[in-house]
Amino acid sequence: MRFITLDGNSKVMAIREAATIVDGEIQSDTGELGQIMQPDGTFITPESIPQTLSEIQQNKILELNTACNQTIMNGFPSTCTGVEHQYKFDMEYQGNFAQQGVMLSLDPTIDTVLWPVSDLGVIPHSREQFIQLCKDAQTWKATNTYRYFGLKAQVLGCETADAVNMIVW
């Protein structure tokens, strides 16, 4: 499915292909970056209107924020089982990780956790493997979040639109 993110003026700021929607997105098969969504759901390409540096920076920050969230939600690799697997990490899975972590804290007798991996379906993880998986998930999220804040600071430090536009996720 195809999802778009709009700014406060209904301008398309990001486009993403994925299986699940992320907060703030709209499912849409049309609409390109920079186009404006009309009340009837159609899109128009606005005339070139000069933007202030501040507007360009804010649009870039929104673009980077969206890319950060997409990266996090697209999942992460982990070798917690001794073999690298890809793990889902959308909002539902983040909640599931937290819930399973609580269960491990509450019940020290849990020694195996069945958990899905993207390439094989559900596989068993030992208690230690699952705890490592949770640490890997947190590292994934934190690394991408810190990257976003670093890029945001760079954007805010730019003195020209060209400098802002050179910053990419």
Protein backbone atom coordinates (compact mmCIF):
# COMPACT_ATOMS: atom_id res chain seq x y z
CA MET A 1 0.00 0.00 0.00
CA ARG A 2 1.03 3.60 -0.55
CA PHE A 3 0.84 6.22 2.20
CA ILE A 4 1.43 9.96 2.17
CA THR A 5 2.14 12.51 4.89
CA LEU A 6 0.72 16.02 4.58
CA ASP A 7 1.86 19.20 6.30
CA GLY A 8 -0.55 21.70 7.87
CA ASN A 9 -1.25 23.18 4.43
CA SER A 10 -2.19 19.78 2.88
CA LYS A 11 1.12 19.64 1.00
CA VAL A 12 2.55 16.17 0.38
CA MET A 13 5.74 15.97 2.46
CA ALA A 14 6.48 12.24 2.31
CA ILE A 15 5.48 9.12 0.40
CA ARG A 16 5.93 5.59 1.74
CA GLU A 17 5.20 2.09 0.48
CA ALA A 18 4.42 -0.32 3.34
CA ALA A 19 1.96 -2.89 4.61
CA THR A 20 0.69 -0.82 7.55
CA ILE A 21 -0.17 2.81 8.10
CA VAL A 22 1.75 5.01 10.55
CA ASP A 23 0.12 7.76 12.62
CA GLY A 24 -0.31 10.92 10.59
CA GLU A 25 -0.36 9.17 7.23
CA ILE A 26 -3.14 8.88 4.65
CA GLN A 27 -3.51 5.98 2.26
CA SER A 28 -3.32 7.35 -1.29
CA ASP A 29 -2.47 5.95 -4.70
CA THR A 30 -1.88 9.46 -6.04
CA GLY A 31 -0.21 12.65 -4.88
CA GLU A 32 3.43 13.49 -5.39
CA LEU A 33 5.92 15.36 -3.22
CA GLY A 34 5.11 19.06 -3.14
CA GLN A 35 1.57 18.68 -4.46
CA ILE A 36 -1.40 20.05 -2.51
CA MET A 37 -4.31 17.77 -1.59
CA GLN A 38 -7.67 19.40 -2.33
CA PRO A 39 -10.80 18.87 -0.15
CA ASP A 40 -12.16 16.44 -2.77
CA GLY A 41 -9.02 14.25 -2.51
CA THR A 42 -7.45 15.35 -5.79
CA PHE A 43 -3.97 16.86 -5.98
CA ILE A 44 -2.69 20.00 -7.66
CA THR A 45 0.84 21.20 -8.29
CA PRO A 46 1.21 24.67 -6.80
CA GLU A 47 2.92 27.50 -8.59
CA SER A 48 6.44 28.06 -7.37
CA ILE A 49 6.02 30.26 -4.34
CA PRO A 50 9.27 31.40 -2.76
CA GLN A 51 9.58 30.04 0.75
CA THR A 52 11.42 31.59 3.64
CA LEU A 53 14.46 29.80 5.02
CA SER A 54 12.43 29.01 8.13
CA GLU A 55 9.67 27.35 6.05
CA ILE A 56 12.23 25.33 4.10
CA GLN A 57 13.84 24.21 7.36
CA GLN A 58 10.50 23.21 8.90
CA ASN A 59 9.55 21.23 5.77
CA LYS A 60 12.92 19.46 5.83
CA ILE A 61 12.50 18.64 9.53
CA LEU A 62 9.07 17.13 8.81
CA GLU A 63 10.59 15.11 5.95
CA LEU A 64 13.39 13.84 8.21
CA ASN A 65 10.96 13.02 11.03
CA THR A 66 8.82 10.99 8.63
CA ALA A 67 11.87 9.15 7.27
CA CYS A 68 13.06 8.41 10.82
CA ASN A 69 9.68 6.99 11.83
CA GLN A 70 9.48 4.93 8.64
CA THR A 71 12.95 3.51 9.21
CA ILE A 72 12.13 2.54 12.80
CA MET A 73 8.75 1.04 11.89
CA ASN A 74 10.18 -0.96 8.98
CA GLY A 75 11.88 -3.28 11.47
CA PHE A 76 15.40 -4.22 12.42
CA PRO A 77 17.90 -7.06 12.13
CA SER A 78 19.05 -9.04 15.15
CA THR A 79 21.43 -11.93 15.69
CA CYS A 80 20.05 -12.71 19.17
CA THR A 81 19.47 -16.35 18.15
CA GLY A 82 22.94 -16.73 16.64
CA VAL A 83 21.55 -16.20 13.12
CA GLU A 84 20.49 -12.86 11.70
CA HIS A 85 16.73 -12.43 11.31
CA GLN A 86 14.59 -9.41 10.49
CA TYR A 87 12.04 -8.40 13.15
CA LYS A 88 8.94 -6.28 12.72
CA PHE A 89 8.80 -3.09 14.77
CA ASP A 90 5.66 -1.18 13.85
CA MET A 91 3.50 0.29 16.64
CA GLU A 92 1.73 -3.01 17.28
CA TYR A 93 5.01 -4.91 17.61
CA GLN A 94 6.51 -2.23 19.86
CA GLY A 95 3.56 -2.77 22.20
CA ASN A 96 3.99 -6.53 21.96
CA PHE A 97 7.69 -6.23 22.85
CA ALA A 98 6.82 -4.15 25.92
CA GLN A 99 4.10 -6.58 27.01
CA GLN A 100 6.36 -9.62 26.64
CA GLY A 101 9.14 -7.81 28.51
CA VAL A 102 6.75 -7.19 31.40
CA MET A 103 5.75 -10.86 31.40
CA LEU A 104 9.41 -11.89 31.65
CA SER A 105 9.84 -9.48 34.56
CA LEU A 106 6.77 -10.80 36.35
CA ASP A 107 7.42 -14.50 35.78
CA PRO A 108 11.01 -15.69 36.10
CA THR A 109 9.92 -19.23 35.17
CA ILE A 110 9.35 -18.24 31.53
CA ASP A 111 12.30 -19.77 29.72
CA THR A 112 11.08 -19.70 26.10
CA VAL A 113 9.32 -17.01 24.09
CA LEU A 114 7.79 -17.79 20.72
CA TRP A 115 8.31 -14.74 18.53
CA PRO A 116 7.84 -14.06 14.80
CA VAL A 117 10.70 -13.28 12.47
CA SER A 118 10.06 -11.92 9.00
CA ASP A 119 11.83 -14.71 7.14
CA LEU A 120 10.70 -17.88 8.99
CA GLY A 121 7.49 -17.18 10.88
CA VAL A 122 7.38 -17.90 14.61
CA ILE A 123 10.52 -19.36 16.20
CA PRO A 124 11.46 -20.04 19.83
CA HIS A 125 13.75 -17.63 21.65
CA SER A 126 15.32 -18.48 24.98
CA ARG A 127 14.74 -16.01 27.80
CA GLU A 128 18.26 -14.61 27.28
CA GLN A 129 17.78 -14.39 23.52
CA PHE A 130 14.53 -12.48 23.92
CA ILE A 131 16.07 -10.05 26.40
CA GLN A 132 18.87 -9.46 23.88
CA LEU A 133 16.23 -8.97 21.17
CA CYS A 134 14.58 -6.26 23.29
CA LYS A 135 17.96 -4.58 23.73
CA ASP A 136 18.55 -4.77 19.96
CA ALA A 137 15.12 -3.22 19.36
CA GLN A 138 15.86 -0.36 21.75
CA THR A 139 19.26 0.22 20.16
CA TRP A 140 17.60 0.33 16.71
CA LYS A 141 15.06 2.88 17.85
CA ALA A 142 17.55 5.02 19.77
CA THR A 143 20.15 5.02 16.98
CA ASN A 144 17.63 6.26 14.43
CA THR A 145 16.13 8.79 16.85
CA TYR A 146 19.57 10.23 17.66
CA ARG A 147 20.33 10.37 13.93
CA TYR A 148 17.12 12.37 13.40
CA PHE A 149 17.98 14.87 16.15
CA GLY A 150 21.49 15.30 14.73
CA LEU A 151 20.13 16.00 11.26
CA LYS A 152 17.49 18.33 12.69
CA ALA A 153 20.21 20.35 14.40
CA GLN A 154 22.12 20.52 11.11
CA VAL A 155 18.99 21.80 9.32
CA LEU A 156 18.41 24.47 11.94
CA GLY A 157 22.05 25.54 11.62
CA CYS A 158 21.83 26.04 7.85
CA GLU A 159 21.97 29.58 6.51
CA THR A 160 20.75 28.87 2.96
CA ALA A 161 18.01 26.82 1.30
CA ASP A 162 20.65 24.97 -0.75
CA ALA A 163 22.39 23.86 2.44
CA VAL A 164 19.08 22.62 3.86
CA ASN A 165 18.27 20.70 0.67
CA MET A 166 21.62 18.90 0.78
CA ILE A 167 20.65 17.19 4.05
CA VAL A 168 19.10 13.78 3.44
CA TRP A 169 18.07 10.87 5.62
